[in-house]
C-alpha cells in the first residue's frame, strides 16, 4: 500500500509541477487566496489553511477508529517556487483558482467548505 501511495505521489507531483510552472501568480498571493476551511472530495480529513505572523499553516483534525480526535498543525514552506506542507513527507500543495480547489499530492483534491471565495 505504501508503494502504491509513492507511485501515486510521483505521478501527482509530475502533474502538479506542470500546473505550478504554468502559473504566473506568486505563492504568497496564492496562499492568501487559499486561506479558509477545506473538505476532501474523497475520504480524507478536512483542514484549515491559515496565516499567523506571516507564516502559513495547515491544521488537520484527525479522528481515530476509537472516535478520539487529535489536531495537527504543519507549516507551509516554499522550495524552488513550489509549495509544500511540512509533515515529515513532501506533501505538495497546488491551487486552481478558477475551480477554487486545492490539490495535495499525496492527499487528493479539496474544495472550500463554505463554497465561497476567500477574500
C-alpha atoms as a PDB file:
ATOM      1  CA  UNK A   1       0.000   0.000   0.000  1.00  0.00           C
ATOM      2  CA  UNK A   2       2.852   2.394   0.805  1.00  0.00           C
ATOM      3  CA  UNK A   3       4.464   1.601  -2.532  1.00  0.00           C
ATOM      4  CA  UNK A   4       1.208   2.394  -4.332  1.00  0.00           C
ATOM      5  CA  UNK A   5       0.982   5.703  -2.427  1.00  0.00           C
ATOM      6  CA  UNK A   6       4.544   6.527  -3.510  1.00  0.00           C
ATOM      7  CA  UNK A   7       3.741   5.796  -7.153  1.00  0.00           C
ATOM      8  CA  UNK A   8       0.601   7.925  -6.924  1.00  0.00           C
ATOM      9  CA  UNK A   9       2.606  10.684  -5.241  1.00  0.00           C
ATOM     10  CA  UNK A  10       5.210  10.742  -8.012  1.00  0.00           C
ATOM     11  CA  UNK A  11       2.509  10.820 -10.694  1.00  0.00           C
ATOM     12  CA  UNK A  12       0.633  13.604  -8.959  1.00  0.00           C
ATOM     13  CA  UNK A  13       3.829  15.598  -8.393  1.00  0.00           C
ATOM     14  CA  UNK A  14       4.556  15.479 -12.115  1.00  0.00           C
ATOM     15  CA  UNK A  15       1.097  16.841 -12.921  1.00  0.00           C
ATOM     16  CA  UNK A  16       1.329  19.407 -10.128  1.00  0.00           C
ATOM     17  CA  UNK A  17       4.736  20.603 -11.343  1.00  0.00           C
ATOM     18  CA  UNK A  18       3.350  21.233 -14.808  1.00  0.00           C
ATOM     19  CA  UNK A  19       0.461  23.184 -13.282  1.00  0.00           C
ATOM     20  CA  UNK A  20       2.663  25.265 -10.985  1.00  0.00           C
ATOM     21  CA  UNK A  21       5.137  26.089 -13.749  1.00  0.00           C
ATOM     22  CA  UNK A  22       2.302  27.442 -15.902  1.00  0.00           C
ATOM     23  CA  UNK A  23       1.072  29.814 -13.164  1.00  0.00           C
ATOM     24  CA  UNK A  24       2.261  33.419 -13.028  1.00  0.00           C
ATOM     25  CA  UNK A  25       0.845  34.350  -9.628  1.00  0.00           C
ATOM     26  CA  UNK A  26       3.203  34.457  -6.637  1.00  0.00           C
ATOM     27  CA  UNK A  27       2.947  31.781  -3.958  1.00  0.00           C
ATOM     28  CA  UNK A  28       2.195  34.389  -1.278  1.00  0.00           C
ATOM     29  CA  UNK A  29      -0.758  35.673  -3.283  1.00  0.00           C
ATOM     30  CA  UNK A  30      -1.894  32.126  -3.951  1.00  0.00           C
ATOM     31  CA  UNK A  31      -1.674  31.210  -0.259  1.00  0.00           C
ATOM     32  CA  UNK A  32      -3.670  34.284   0.678  1.00  0.00           C
ATOM     33  CA  UNK A  33      -6.471  33.150  -1.647  1.00  0.00           C
ATOM     34  CA  UNK A  34      -6.314  29.622  -0.190  1.00  0.00           C
ATOM     35  CA  UNK A  35      -6.972  30.714   3.401  1.00  0.00           C
ATOM     36  CA  UNK A  36     -10.055  29.038   4.840  1.00  0.00           C
ATOM     37  CA  UNK A  37     -11.622  25.676   5.575  1.00  0.00           C
ATOM     38  CA  UNK A  38     -11.298  22.842   3.066  1.00  0.00           C
ATOM     39  CA  UNK A  39     -13.021  19.469   2.724  1.00  0.00           C
ATOM     40  CA  UNK A  40     -11.841  16.475   0.744  1.00  0.00           C
ATOM     41  CA  UNK A  41     -13.645  15.384  -2.402  1.00  0.00           C
ATOM     42  CA  UNK A  42     -12.546  11.882  -1.364  1.00  0.00           C
ATOM     43  CA  UNK A  43     -12.382  10.390   2.093  1.00  0.00           C
ATOM     44  CA  UNK A  44      -9.571  12.412   3.684  1.00  0.00           C
ATOM     45  CA  UNK A  45      -9.775  14.604   6.804  1.00  0.00           C
ATOM     46  CA  UNK A  46     -10.682  18.297   6.342  1.00  0.00           C
ATOM     47  CA  UNK A  47      -8.149  21.029   7.029  1.00  0.00           C
ATOM     48  CA  UNK A  48      -7.882  24.751   7.639  1.00  0.00           C
ATOM     49  CA  UNK A  49      -5.263  26.890   5.906  1.00  0.00           C
ATOM     50  CA  UNK A  50      -4.416  29.992   7.935  1.00  0.00           C
ATOM     51  CA  UNK A  51      -1.764  32.662   8.353  1.00  0.00           C
ATOM     52  CA  UNK A  52      -0.148  33.775  11.584  1.00  0.00           C
ATOM     53  CA  UNK A  53       2.742  36.242  11.841  1.00  0.00           C
ATOM     54  CA  UNK A  54       3.497  35.908   8.131  1.00  0.00           C
ATOM     55  CA  UNK A  55       3.646  32.109   8.237  1.00  0.00           C
ATOM     56  CA  UNK A  56       1.032  29.948   6.576  1.00  0.00           C
ATOM     57  CA  UNK A  57      -0.126  26.767   8.299  1.00  0.00           C
ATOM     58  CA  UNK A  58      -2.385  23.792   7.687  1.00  0.00           C
ATOM     59  CA  UNK A  59      -4.345  22.443  10.656  1.00  0.00           C
ATOM     60  CA  UNK A  60      -5.881  18.975  10.364  1.00  0.00           C
ATOM     61  CA  UNK A  61      -8.268  17.335  12.809  1.00  0.00           C
ATOM     62  CA  UNK A  62      -7.868  13.568  12.579  1.00  0.00           C
ATOM     63  CA  UNK A  63     -10.317  11.058  14.021  1.00  0.00           C
ATOM     64  CA  UNK A  64      -9.185   7.637  15.203  1.00  0.00           C
ATOM     65  CA  UNK A  65     -11.156   4.420  14.779  1.00  0.00           C
ATOM     66  CA  UNK A  66     -11.958   4.645  18.502  1.00  0.00           C
ATOM     67  CA  UNK A  67     -13.620   8.034  17.978  1.00  0.00           C
ATOM     68  CA  UNK A  68     -10.998  10.258  19.599  1.00  0.00           C
ATOM     69  CA  UNK A  69      -9.655  13.277  17.741  1.00  0.00           C
ATOM     70  CA  UNK A  70      -6.281  14.968  17.557  1.00  0.00           C
ATOM     71  CA  UNK A  71      -5.238  18.226  15.972  1.00  0.00           C
ATOM     72  CA  UNK A  72      -2.036  18.534  13.959  1.00  0.00           C
ATOM     73  CA  UNK A  73      -0.646  21.795  12.566  1.00  0.00           C
ATOM     74  CA  UNK A  74       2.013  21.959   9.871  1.00  0.00           C
ATOM     75  CA  UNK A  75       3.933  24.872   8.354  1.00  0.00           C
ATOM     76  CA  UNK A  76       3.808  25.520   4.627  1.00  0.00           C
ATOM     77  CA  UNK A  77       7.167  26.164   3.017  1.00  0.00           C
ATOM     78  CA  UNK A  78       8.242  27.233  -0.434  1.00  0.00           C
ATOM     79  CA  UNK A  79      11.107  25.438  -2.126  1.00  0.00           C
ATOM     80  CA  UNK A  80      12.226  26.394  -5.638  1.00  0.00           C
ATOM     81  CA  UNK A  81       8.864  28.082  -6.259  1.00  0.00           C
ATOM     82  CA  UNK A  82       6.780  25.091  -5.132  1.00  0.00           C
ATOM     83  CA  UNK A  83       4.614  24.908  -2.019  1.00  0.00           C
ATOM     84  CA  UNK A  84       4.956  22.021   0.424  1.00  0.00           C
ATOM     85  CA  UNK A  85       3.313  21.159   3.719  1.00  0.00           C
ATOM     86  CA  UNK A  86       5.967  20.103   6.258  1.00  0.00           C
ATOM     87  CA  UNK A  87       4.502  16.818   7.549  1.00  0.00           C
ATOM     88  CA  UNK A  88       7.709  14.814   7.567  1.00  0.00           C
ATOM     89  CA  UNK A  89       6.926  13.852   3.968  1.00  0.00           C
ATOM     90  CA  UNK A  90       6.907  16.084   0.921  1.00  0.00           C
ATOM     91  CA  UNK A  91       3.216  16.982   0.503  1.00  0.00           C
ATOM     92  CA  UNK A  92       2.935  19.314  -2.462  1.00  0.00           C
ATOM     93  CA  UNK A  93       0.194  21.929  -2.374  1.00  0.00           C
ATOM     94  CA  UNK A  94      -1.272  23.413  -5.568  1.00  0.00           C
ATOM     95  CA  UNK A  95      -4.259  25.698  -6.117  1.00  0.00           C
ATOM     96  CA  UNK A  96      -6.663  26.003  -9.038  1.00  0.00           C
ATOM     97  CA  UNK A  97      -8.155  29.470  -8.608  1.00  0.00           C
ATOM     98  CA  UNK A  98     -10.691  29.034 -11.412  1.00  0.00           C
ATOM     99  CA  UNK A  99     -12.235  25.956  -9.755  1.00  0.00           C
ATOM    100  CA  UNK A 100     -11.308  27.131  -6.228  1.00  0.00           C
ATOM    101  CA  UNK A 101      -9.773  23.742  -5.489  1.00  0.00           C
ATOM    102  CA  UNK A 102      -6.639  22.666  -3.651  1.00  0.00           C
ATOM    103  CA  UNK A 103      -4.746  19.549  -4.652  1.00  0.00           C
ATOM    104  CA  UNK A 104      -2.481  17.829  -2.145  1.00  0.00           C
ATOM    105  CA  UNK A 105      -0.018  15.381  -3.543  1.00  0.00           C
ATOM    106  CA  UNK A 106      -0.435  12.918  -1.922  1.00  0.00           C
ATOM    107  CA  UNK A 107      -3.822  13.641  -0.427  1.00  0.00           C
ATOM    108  CA  UNK A 108      -6.166  14.350  -3.294  1.00  0.00           C
ATOM    109  CA  UNK A 109      -8.450  17.227  -4.143  1.00  0.00           C
ATOM    110  CA  UNK A 110     -10.162  19.580  -1.687  1.00  0.00           C
ATOM    111  CA  UNK A 111     -12.966  22.082  -2.134  1.00  0.00           C
ATOM    112  CA  UNK A 112     -13.720  25.076   0.046  1.00  0.00           C
ATOM    113  CA  UNK A 113     -16.116  24.009   2.780  1.00  0.00           C
ATOM    114  CA  UNK A 114     -18.305  27.107   2.540  1.00  0.00           C
ATOM    115  CA  UNK A 115     -18.204  27.231  -1.299  1.00  0.00           C
ATOM    116  CA  UNK A 116     -17.344  30.941  -1.184  1.00  0.00           C
ATOM    117  CA  UNK A 117     -14.203  32.619  -2.367  1.00  0.00           C
ATOM    118  CA  UNK A 118     -11.993  33.731   0.492  1.00  0.00           C
ATOM    119  CA  UNK A 119     -11.196  37.444   0.210  1.00  0.00           C
END
